[in-house]
N, C-alpha and C. Protein backbone atom coordinates (compact mmCIF):
# COMPACT_ATOMS: atom_id res chain seq x y z
N MET A 1 98.98 114.98 92.06
CA MET A 1 98.36 115.56 93.23
C MET A 1 99.18 115.17 94.46
N LYS A 2 99.31 116.08 95.38
CA LYS A 2 100.09 115.82 96.59
C LYS A 2 99.17 115.29 97.68
N ALA A 3 99.59 114.18 98.26
CA ALA A 3 98.82 113.56 99.34
C ALA A 3 99.58 113.67 100.65
N ASP A 4 98.84 113.70 101.75
CA ASP A 4 99.45 113.70 103.08
C ASP A 4 99.91 112.29 103.46
N ILE A 5 99.14 111.30 103.02
CA ILE A 5 99.41 109.89 103.36
C ILE A 5 99.16 109.06 102.11
N THR A 6 100.00 108.05 101.89
CA THR A 6 99.83 107.13 100.77
C THR A 6 99.80 105.71 101.29
N ILE A 7 98.84 104.92 100.79
CA ILE A 7 98.83 103.49 101.11
C ILE A 7 98.94 102.71 99.80
N ASP A 8 99.67 101.62 99.86
CA ASP A 8 99.92 100.78 98.70
C ASP A 8 99.03 99.55 98.78
N CYS A 9 98.10 99.45 97.84
CA CYS A 9 97.19 98.30 97.79
C CYS A 9 97.41 97.48 96.51
N VAL A 10 98.58 97.62 95.91
CA VAL A 10 98.90 96.85 94.71
C VAL A 10 98.90 95.37 95.05
N GLY A 11 98.22 94.59 94.23
CA GLY A 11 98.12 93.15 94.47
C GLY A 11 96.93 92.76 95.32
N LEU A 12 96.20 93.74 95.83
CA LEU A 12 95.02 93.48 96.66
C LEU A 12 93.77 93.75 95.83
N TYR A 13 92.77 92.93 96.02
CA TYR A 13 91.56 93.05 95.21
C TYR A 13 90.34 93.31 96.08
N CYS A 14 89.31 93.80 95.45
CA CYS A 14 88.06 94.19 96.10
C CYS A 14 87.62 93.10 97.09
N PRO A 15 87.28 93.51 98.27
CA PRO A 15 87.09 94.85 98.81
C PRO A 15 88.27 95.38 99.64
N VAL A 16 89.41 94.70 99.60
CA VAL A 16 90.52 95.04 100.51
C VAL A 16 91.00 96.50 100.38
N PRO A 17 91.18 97.06 99.16
CA PRO A 17 91.61 98.46 99.11
C PRO A 17 90.65 99.43 99.80
N ILE A 18 89.35 99.15 99.71
CA ILE A 18 88.37 100.02 100.37
C ILE A 18 88.42 99.83 101.88
N ILE A 19 88.60 98.61 102.33
CA ILE A 19 88.73 98.35 103.77
C ILE A 19 89.95 99.09 104.32
N LYS A 20 91.07 98.99 103.62
CA LYS A 20 92.29 99.67 104.07
C LYS A 20 92.12 101.19 104.02
N THR A 21 91.39 101.69 103.03
CA THR A 21 91.10 103.12 102.94
C THR A 21 90.30 103.56 104.16
N ALA A 22 89.25 102.83 104.48
CA ALA A 22 88.41 103.18 105.63
C ALA A 22 89.21 103.18 106.92
N GLU A 23 90.08 102.19 107.10
CA GLU A 23 90.90 102.13 108.32
C GLU A 23 91.84 103.33 108.40
N GLN A 24 92.46 103.70 107.28
CA GLN A 24 93.41 104.82 107.28
C GLN A 24 92.70 106.15 107.49
N VAL A 25 91.57 106.34 106.84
CA VAL A 25 90.84 107.61 106.95
C VAL A 25 90.43 107.87 108.40
N GLN A 26 90.09 106.82 109.13
CA GLN A 26 89.72 106.99 110.54
C GLN A 26 90.86 107.60 111.36
N LYS A 27 92.10 107.34 110.97
CA LYS A 27 93.26 107.82 111.71
C LYS A 27 93.69 109.23 111.29
N MET A 28 93.12 109.74 110.22
CA MET A 28 93.57 111.02 109.65
C MET A 28 92.82 112.21 110.24
N ALA A 29 93.43 113.37 110.11
CA ALA A 29 92.80 114.61 110.53
C ALA A 29 91.87 115.12 109.42
N ASN A 30 90.87 115.88 109.80
CA ASN A 30 89.95 116.47 108.84
C ASN A 30 90.73 117.31 107.82
N GLY A 31 90.43 117.11 106.54
CA GLY A 31 91.07 117.88 105.48
C GLY A 31 92.32 117.24 104.89
N GLN A 32 92.84 116.20 105.53
CA GLN A 32 94.02 115.54 104.98
C GLN A 32 93.64 114.75 103.73
N ILE A 33 94.62 114.56 102.85
CA ILE A 33 94.40 113.84 101.60
C ILE A 33 95.12 112.51 101.64
N LEU A 34 94.39 111.46 101.26
CA LEU A 34 94.92 110.11 101.19
C LEU A 34 95.05 109.69 99.73
N GLU A 35 96.20 109.13 99.40
CA GLU A 35 96.41 108.53 98.08
C GLU A 35 96.40 107.01 98.26
N VAL A 36 95.60 106.34 97.45
CA VAL A 36 95.53 104.88 97.47
C VAL A 36 96.02 104.39 96.11
N ILE A 37 97.07 103.59 96.13
CA ILE A 37 97.62 103.03 94.89
C ILE A 37 97.15 101.59 94.78
N ALA A 38 96.53 101.27 93.65
CA ALA A 38 96.00 99.92 93.44
C ALA A 38 96.16 99.53 91.97
N ASP A 39 96.17 98.24 91.73
CA ASP A 39 96.23 97.77 90.34
C ASP A 39 94.94 97.04 89.94
N ASP A 40 93.96 97.03 90.82
CA ASP A 40 92.65 96.45 90.53
C ASP A 40 91.77 97.55 89.93
N GLU A 41 91.37 97.38 88.67
CA GLU A 41 90.58 98.40 87.98
C GLU A 41 89.27 98.71 88.70
N GLY A 42 88.81 97.78 89.53
CA GLY A 42 87.58 98.00 90.28
C GLY A 42 87.62 99.23 91.17
N ILE A 43 88.81 99.66 91.53
CA ILE A 43 88.93 100.84 92.40
C ILE A 43 88.41 102.10 91.71
N THR A 44 88.38 102.09 90.38
CA THR A 44 87.92 103.28 89.66
C THR A 44 86.44 103.55 89.89
N SER A 45 85.67 102.54 90.22
CA SER A 45 84.26 102.76 90.58
C SER A 45 84.04 102.62 92.08
N ASP A 46 84.81 101.74 92.73
CA ASP A 46 84.62 101.51 94.16
C ASP A 46 84.93 102.76 94.99
N MET A 47 86.02 103.45 94.67
CA MET A 47 86.42 104.60 95.50
C MET A 47 85.43 105.76 95.40
N PRO A 48 84.99 106.16 94.20
CA PRO A 48 83.98 107.23 94.16
C PRO A 48 82.69 106.84 94.89
N ASN A 49 82.29 105.57 94.76
CA ASN A 49 81.07 105.11 95.45
C ASN A 49 81.25 105.15 96.95
N TRP A 50 82.42 104.71 97.44
CA TRP A 50 82.68 104.71 98.87
C TRP A 50 82.66 106.15 99.41
N CYS A 51 83.26 107.06 98.66
CA CYS A 51 83.28 108.46 99.10
C CYS A 51 81.87 109.03 99.16
N GLN A 52 81.05 108.71 98.17
CA GLN A 52 79.67 109.19 98.17
C GLN A 52 78.90 108.65 99.37
N MET A 53 79.14 107.40 99.72
CA MET A 53 78.43 106.78 100.84
C MET A 53 78.90 107.32 102.19
N THR A 54 80.18 107.68 102.29
CA THR A 54 80.74 108.07 103.59
C THR A 54 80.84 109.58 103.78
N GLY A 55 80.69 110.35 102.71
CA GLY A 55 80.75 111.80 102.83
C GLY A 55 82.13 112.40 102.66
N HIS A 56 83.12 111.56 102.37
CA HIS A 56 84.46 112.09 102.10
C HIS A 56 84.52 112.56 100.66
N GLU A 57 85.47 113.44 100.35
CA GLU A 57 85.54 114.02 99.02
C GLU A 57 86.45 113.21 98.11
N PHE A 58 85.91 112.74 97.00
CA PHE A 58 86.70 112.04 96.00
C PHE A 58 87.36 113.09 95.11
N LEU A 59 88.69 113.09 95.08
CA LEU A 59 89.42 114.12 94.35
C LEU A 59 89.86 113.68 92.96
N GLY A 60 89.79 112.39 92.66
CA GLY A 60 90.12 111.95 91.32
C GLY A 60 91.04 110.74 91.28
N ILE A 61 91.32 110.35 90.03
CA ILE A 61 92.16 109.18 89.75
C ILE A 61 93.21 109.57 88.73
N GLU A 62 94.43 109.13 88.96
CA GLU A 62 95.50 109.26 87.99
C GLU A 62 95.97 107.85 87.66
N LYS A 63 96.08 107.55 86.37
CA LYS A 63 96.56 106.22 85.97
C LYS A 63 98.02 106.34 85.54
N ALA A 64 98.84 105.47 86.09
CA ALA A 64 100.27 105.42 85.75
C ALA A 64 100.61 103.97 85.46
N ASP A 65 100.94 103.68 84.22
CA ASP A 65 101.20 102.30 83.80
C ASP A 65 99.99 101.44 84.14
N MET A 66 100.18 100.44 84.96
CA MET A 66 99.07 99.55 85.31
C MET A 66 98.54 99.83 86.71
N GLU A 67 98.85 100.99 87.25
CA GLU A 67 98.40 101.34 88.60
C GLU A 67 97.43 102.52 88.55
N TYR A 68 96.52 102.50 89.49
CA TYR A 68 95.56 103.59 89.67
C TYR A 68 95.89 104.30 90.97
N HIS A 69 96.03 105.61 90.90
CA HIS A 69 96.29 106.43 92.09
C HIS A 69 95.00 107.21 92.35
N THR A 70 94.31 106.85 93.41
CA THR A 70 93.06 107.53 93.76
C THR A 70 93.31 108.44 94.95
N PHE A 71 92.58 109.55 94.98
CA PHE A 71 92.80 110.57 96.01
C PHE A 71 91.48 110.89 96.71
N VAL A 72 91.55 110.87 98.04
CA VAL A 72 90.37 111.09 98.89
C VAL A 72 90.73 112.13 99.95
N LYS A 73 89.85 113.11 100.12
CA LYS A 73 90.02 114.11 101.17
C LYS A 73 89.06 113.77 102.31
N LYS A 74 89.62 113.67 103.52
CA LYS A 74 88.78 113.36 104.67
C LYS A 74 87.92 114.58 105.01
N ILE A 75 86.63 114.34 105.12
CA ILE A 75 85.68 115.39 105.48
C ILE A 75 84.91 114.94 106.72
N VAL A 76 84.99 115.73 107.76
CA VAL A 76 84.21 115.46 108.96
C VAL A 76 83.15 116.53 109.07
N LYS A 77 81.91 116.11 109.17
CA LYS A 77 80.81 117.08 109.22
C LYS A 77 80.35 117.27 110.65
């Protein structure tokens, strides 16, 4: 999946990837896609939950080796 912005959270553990996601999403334009790369398996449940709570669209997860690539679309209502 093609993202507009990518942040690297490899080596960071819960809740830091979600905190960094929230900070980055605030800076993005409506409709832009953020890719978050992490190696903490917790992101596979944390990111969909965060999107549900905040109203942003969770686009999915791709696993590559020991990394998880999660994709979030910023939605402003």
